Amino acid sequence: MTYEELQNAPLCLSGRQLTKVFVNGKVSKTAVDHVDFDFHQGEVISIVGESGSGKTTLSKMLLGLLNVTSGTIYFKGEERKIRTMAQRRAYWNGIQAIFQDPFSSYNIFHKIDAVLDDCINMRYGRHIDKQKREDLKTEACSFVNLKYAELTNKYPFELSGGQMQRLMIARIFLLKPQILLADEPTSMIDACSRATILDMLLKLRDETGMTVIFITHDIGLAYYISDTVYIMEHGKFVESGSADEVILHPKAAYTKRLISDVPKIHEEWNLDDVFTGEE
């Protein structure tokens, strides 16, 4: 779909004047400052910013892991309700996440079978027969180029970082949420595995119509994978639009600086500005 077609697709997640303020005694810090956004069905979005820009705080608010100080989140056109555990479970059926560190994303005491069984229970219920479970787990692992027969009865720490991250995508394949939030999903793995995992996520989007939200500091990655890019600085969105519009024709000074900081292999690197602090 083109960017214009995606902007006319049904809304799956929206925010209005969304704000998060952390308070410690008499000291307060505004991490997310009155942001507005509209994410559409099937859209790939990147929220780009440096460390401390507020993007991870925003992602935790979207997942319901942090309370909102003020503002409203809308899920499929209705105000999100996650006050009770039943409401949270219903919401999490529609939105799932892949986190930055695959090594801390698993309970080290649970075998891989238990990780996949939890996903099957959430989507299909606990009464599904054993053979059907085996078939679902085999299919999910095959989608991410893993062999379930080689993983069964193993613990997550027996896998490589790349295998762990691919297993996270296998979980998403089983759950098939409407929204996937990927917080720096490739930052801790090698370049070859990074490209493979990105291709898997985009393939999953194409097959299921899932909305994918990337949280990243890598503006080059955002341009490569995204339909829409939001640039975040000091808790605010300073620029947003199509990937071509934002990256090729930036308007905000912060966006221009992020782009200029990307090393170019065909140009000599000038590190003088880094050491002198000059712009």
Protein backbone atom coordinates (compact mmCIF):
# COMPACT_ATOMS: atom_id res chain seq x y z
CA MET A 1 0.00 0.00 0.00
CA THR A 2 1.14 3.55 -0.64
CA TYR A 3 1.65 6.04 2.17
CA GLU A 4 -1.53 7.87 1.20
CA GLU A 5 -3.55 4.63 1.24
CA LEU A 6 -2.20 3.72 4.67
CA GLN A 7 -3.25 7.12 6.05
CA ASN A 8 -6.82 6.27 5.04
CA ALA A 9 -6.71 2.79 6.59
CA PRO A 10 -8.62 2.17 9.86
CA LEU A 11 -6.99 3.54 13.01
CA CYS A 12 -5.65 0.94 15.43
CA LEU A 13 -3.87 3.10 18.04
CA SER A 14 -4.08 6.84 18.70
CA GLY A 15 -2.94 9.25 21.37
CA ARG A 16 -4.11 12.73 22.30
CA GLN A 17 -2.02 15.04 24.48
CA LEU A 18 -0.29 12.02 25.98
CA THR A 19 1.98 13.00 28.87
CA LYS A 20 4.14 11.20 31.44
CA VAL A 21 5.68 13.04 34.39
CA PHE A 22 7.95 11.25 36.86
CA VAL A 23 7.99 12.74 40.36
CA ASN A 24 10.65 12.12 43.01
CA GLY A 25 9.96 14.23 46.06
CA LYS A 26 10.00 17.85 44.94
CA VAL A 27 11.71 17.03 41.65
CA SER A 28 9.66 16.23 38.55
CA LYS A 29 10.73 15.17 35.08
CA THR A 30 8.47 15.28 32.01
CA ALA A 31 9.50 12.30 29.89
CA VAL A 32 6.64 12.48 27.36
CA ASP A 33 5.15 15.90 26.74
CA HIS A 34 1.65 16.23 25.20
CA VAL A 35 2.21 14.06 22.10
CA ASP A 36 -0.45 13.28 19.47
CA PHE A 37 -0.30 10.38 17.01
CA ASP A 38 -2.42 8.16 14.78
CA PHE A 39 -1.22 4.68 13.84
CA HIS A 40 -3.12 2.87 11.09
CA GLN A 41 -3.78 -0.78 10.34
CA GLY A 42 -0.90 -2.37 8.40
CA GLU A 43 1.37 0.66 8.83
CA VAL A 44 5.06 0.42 9.75
CA ILE A 45 5.99 3.30 12.04
CA SER A 46 9.35 4.30 13.49
CA ILE A 47 9.69 6.54 16.53
CA VAL A 48 13.24 7.89 16.35
CA GLY A 49 15.23 9.71 18.99
CA GLU A 50 18.41 9.69 21.02
CA SER A 51 18.69 8.13 24.48
CA GLY A 52 16.59 10.14 26.90
CA SER A 53 14.23 11.46 24.22
CA GLY A 54 11.24 9.70 25.80
CA LYS A 55 10.63 7.06 23.15
CA THR A 56 10.97 4.05 25.46
CA THR A 57 8.75 5.70 28.08
CA LEU A 58 6.16 6.25 25.37
CA SER A 59 6.39 2.60 24.31
CA LYS A 60 5.78 1.43 27.90
CA MET A 61 2.74 3.68 28.10
CA LEU A 62 1.39 2.21 24.85
CA LEU A 63 1.88 -1.30 26.25
CA GLY A 64 0.13 -0.41 29.50
CA LEU A 65 3.28 -0.98 31.56
CA LEU A 66 3.37 2.66 32.75
CA ASN A 67 0.44 4.75 33.90
CA VAL A 68 -0.45 7.83 31.86
CA THR A 69 -0.11 11.13 33.74
CA SER A 70 -2.53 12.90 31.41
CA GLY A 71 -3.97 12.50 27.94
CA THR A 72 -5.81 9.60 26.33
CA ILE A 73 -4.89 6.47 24.36
CA TYR A 74 -7.45 5.08 21.90
CA PHE A 75 -7.41 1.45 20.78
CA LYS A 76 -9.41 0.66 17.62
CA GLY A 77 -11.27 3.95 17.90
CA GLU A 78 -12.33 3.59 21.55
CA GLU A 79 -10.71 4.90 24.71
CA ARG A 80 -8.36 2.24 26.08
CA LYS A 81 -9.50 0.60 29.31
CA ILE A 82 -6.93 -1.43 31.26
CA ARG A 83 -8.00 -0.94 34.87
CA THR A 84 -8.78 -4.59 35.58
CA MET A 85 -6.68 -7.66 34.81
CA ALA A 86 -9.36 -8.93 32.43
CA GLN A 87 -9.19 -5.64 30.51
CA ARG A 88 -5.39 -5.82 30.42
CA ARG A 89 -5.44 -9.36 29.05
CA ALA A 90 -7.92 -8.37 26.36
CA TYR A 91 -5.73 -5.41 25.40
CA TRP A 92 -2.55 -7.52 25.35
CA ASN A 93 -4.25 -9.94 22.97
CA GLY A 94 -4.18 -7.04 20.52
CA ILE A 95 -0.75 -5.57 21.25
CA GLN A 96 2.53 -7.38 21.91
CA ALA A 97 6.21 -6.41 22.07
CA ILE A 98 9.70 -7.51 21.15
CA PHE A 99 12.29 -5.99 23.45
CA GLN A 100 15.88 -4.89 22.94
CA ASP A 101 17.64 -7.51 25.07
CA PRO A 102 16.70 -11.07 24.11
CA PHE A 103 18.61 -12.44 27.12
CA SER A 104 16.32 -10.67 29.61
CA SER A 105 13.09 -11.38 27.72
CA TYR A 106 12.77 -14.94 28.98
CA ASN A 107 12.32 -16.66 32.32
CA ILE A 108 15.51 -18.73 32.50
CA PHE A 109 13.71 -21.44 34.48
CA HIS A 110 11.11 -22.07 31.76
CA LYS A 111 11.90 -24.25 28.77
CA ILE A 112 11.22 -23.08 25.22
CA ASP A 113 8.19 -25.37 25.02
CA ALA A 114 6.58 -23.47 27.92
CA VAL A 115 7.23 -20.13 26.20
CA LEU A 116 5.42 -21.26 23.06
CA ASP A 117 2.67 -23.07 24.99
CA ASP A 118 1.83 -19.82 26.82
CA CYS A 119 1.23 -18.15 23.45
CA ILE A 120 -0.96 -21.03 22.25
CA ASN A 121 -2.98 -20.91 25.48
CA MET A 122 -3.51 -17.17 25.09
CA ARG A 123 -4.72 -17.40 21.50
CA TYR A 124 -6.40 -20.82 21.27
CA GLY A 125 -7.18 -21.76 24.88
CA ARG A 126 -5.80 -24.54 27.06
CA HIS A 127 -7.93 -27.38 25.68
CA ILE A 128 -6.22 -27.70 22.30
CA ASP A 129 -4.91 -31.26 21.74
CA LYS A 130 -1.24 -32.22 21.94
CA GLN A 131 -0.73 -32.90 18.22
CA LYS A 132 -2.23 -29.55 17.25
CA ARG A 133 0.11 -27.86 19.74
CA GLU A 134 3.10 -29.61 18.22
CA ASP A 135 2.01 -28.58 14.72
CA LEU A 136 1.56 -24.93 15.77
CA LYS A 137 4.96 -24.78 17.47
CA THR A 138 6.66 -26.44 14.49
CA GLU A 139 5.03 -24.00 12.07
CA ALA A 140 5.97 -20.97 14.19
CA CYS A 141 9.59 -22.05 14.48
CA SER A 142 9.78 -22.84 10.77
CA PHE A 143 8.56 -19.31 9.96
CA VAL A 144 11.69 -17.90 11.64
CA ASN A 145 14.03 -20.57 10.20
CA LEU A 146 14.32 -22.57 13.41
CA LYS A 147 13.68 -26.30 13.82
CA TYR A 148 11.33 -27.00 16.70
CA ALA A 149 12.64 -30.57 17.01
CA GLU A 150 16.09 -29.13 17.82
CA LEU A 151 14.70 -26.65 20.38
CA THR A 152 12.26 -28.75 22.37
CA ASN A 153 13.28 -29.36 26.00
CA LYS A 154 15.98 -26.68 25.79
CA TYR A 155 16.24 -23.59 27.96
CA PRO A 156 16.51 -20.10 26.39
CA PHE A 157 20.09 -19.62 27.64
CA GLU A 158 21.14 -22.57 25.47
CA LEU A 159 20.36 -20.48 22.35
CA SER A 160 22.34 -17.70 20.70
CA GLY A 161 21.12 -14.10 20.83
CA GLY A 162 19.93 -14.31 17.24
CA GLN A 163 18.02 -17.53 17.93
CA MET A 164 16.40 -15.96 20.99
CA GLN A 165 15.27 -12.95 18.99
CA ARG A 166 13.88 -15.18 16.25
CA LEU A 167 12.02 -17.16 18.91
CA MET A 168 10.45 -13.87 20.04
CA ILE A 169 9.14 -13.44 16.49
CA ALA A 170 7.85 -17.04 16.58
CA ARG A 171 5.82 -16.00 19.65
CA ILE A 172 4.35 -13.12 17.65
CA PHE A 173 3.56 -15.52 14.81
CA LEU A 174 1.52 -17.64 17.24
CA LEU A 175 -0.22 -14.69 18.91
CA LYS A 176 -0.87 -12.72 15.71
CA PRO A 177 -1.56 -9.40 17.52
CA GLN A 178 -2.98 -6.43 15.66
CA ILE A 179 -0.06 -4.28 16.85
CA LEU A 180 3.59 -5.18 17.41
CA LEU A 181 5.84 -2.79 19.30
CA ALA A 182 9.52 -3.52 18.61
CA ASP A 183 11.90 -1.65 20.94
CA GLU A 184 15.39 -1.70 19.34
CA PRO A 185 14.82 -5.35 18.32
CA THR A 186 18.12 -5.73 16.43
CA SER A 187 20.56 -3.62 18.45
CA MET A 188 22.21 -6.56 20.25
CA ILE A 189 22.71 -8.93 17.32
CA ASP A 190 25.12 -9.08 14.38
CA ALA A 191 24.47 -7.33 11.08
CA CYS A 192 23.56 -10.49 9.15
CA SER A 193 20.99 -11.59 11.74
CA ARG A 194 19.69 -8.01 11.92
CA ALA A 195 18.68 -7.99 8.26
CA THR A 196 17.10 -11.43 8.58
CA ILE A 197 15.00 -10.44 11.60
CA LEU A 198 13.82 -7.21 9.96
CA ASP A 199 12.77 -9.15 6.87
CA MET A 200 10.87 -11.62 9.08
CA LEU A 201 8.99 -8.81 10.83
CA LEU A 202 8.03 -7.18 7.54
CA LYS A 203 6.97 -10.54 6.12
CA LEU A 204 4.76 -11.05 9.17
CA ARG A 205 3.24 -7.60 8.61
CA ASP A 206 2.52 -8.47 4.98
CA GLU A 207 0.90 -11.82 5.89
CA THR A 208 -1.27 -10.63 8.79
CA GLY A 209 -1.85 -6.90 8.18
CA MET A 210 -0.28 -6.18 11.55
CA THR A 211 0.78 -2.65 12.51
CA VAL A 212 4.47 -2.51 13.49
CA ILE A 213 5.89 0.26 15.68
CA PHE A 214 9.68 0.41 15.84
CA ILE A 215 11.35 2.29 18.69
CA THR A 216 14.86 3.14 17.52
CA HIS A 217 17.74 5.61 17.57
CA ASP A 218 18.82 4.46 14.10
CA ILE A 219 17.41 6.90 11.55
CA GLY A 220 18.87 4.89 8.68
CA LEU A 221 16.95 1.82 9.84
CA ALA A 222 13.80 3.95 10.15
CA TYR A 223 14.12 5.10 6.54
CA TYR A 224 14.67 1.56 5.29
CA ILE A 225 11.68 -0.10 6.98
CA SER A 226 9.08 2.60 7.69
CA ASP A 227 6.02 4.03 6.04
CA THR A 228 5.81 6.78 8.67
CA VAL A 229 8.51 8.33 10.86
CA TYR A 230 8.09 10.31 14.09
CA ILE A 231 11.13 12.23 15.37
CA MET A 232 11.18 12.62 19.16
CA GLU A 233 13.24 15.15 21.13
CA HIS A 234 12.88 15.96 24.85
CA GLY A 235 9.55 14.14 25.05
CA LYS A 236 7.95 15.89 22.06
CA PHE A 237 7.39 14.93 18.43
CA VAL A 238 9.30 17.62 16.54
CA GLU A 239 8.57 16.19 13.08
CA SER A 240 6.49 13.45 11.49
CA GLY A 241 5.41 12.29 8.07
CA SER A 242 6.28 9.75 5.41
CA ALA A 243 9.79 8.28 5.56
CA ASP A 244 10.74 10.05 2.31
CA GLU A 245 9.38 13.37 3.53
CA VAL A 246 11.08 13.29 6.94
CA ILE A 247 14.43 11.80 5.95
CA LEU A 248 14.94 13.31 2.49
CA HIS A 249 13.36 16.71 3.22
CA PRO A 250 13.78 17.30 6.97
CA LYS A 251 12.46 20.51 8.48
CA ALA A 252 13.37 20.31 12.18
CA ALA A 253 16.94 21.16 13.18
CA TYR A 254 17.05 18.05 15.38
CA THR A 255 16.12 15.79 12.45
CA LYS A 256 18.83 17.38 10.32
CA ARG A 257 21.40 16.75 13.06
CA LEU A 258 20.36 13.09 13.42
CA ILE A 259 20.79 12.61 9.67
CA SER A 260 24.14 14.41 9.59
CA ASP A 261 25.43 12.16 12.39
CA VAL A 262 24.95 9.02 10.29
CA PRO A 263 28.42 7.91 9.04
CA LYS A 264 28.73 7.64 5.25
CA ILE A 265 31.13 5.03 3.96
CA HIS A 266 31.87 6.96 0.74
CA GLU A 267 32.98 10.10 2.64
CA GLU A 268 35.95 10.73 4.90
CA TRP A 269 34.82 10.82 8.51
CA ASN A 270 35.51 14.09 10.30
CA LEU A 271 35.69 13.44 14.04
CA ASP A 272 37.01 16.90 14.93
CA ASP A 273 33.50 18.16 15.72
CA VAL A 274 32.95 15.24 18.06
CA PHE A 275 36.01 16.02 20.14
CA THR A 276 35.65 19.82 20.08
CA GLY A 277 31.88 19.85 20.66
CA GLU A 278 31.33 22.11 17.63
CA GLU A 279 28.33 21.83 15.32
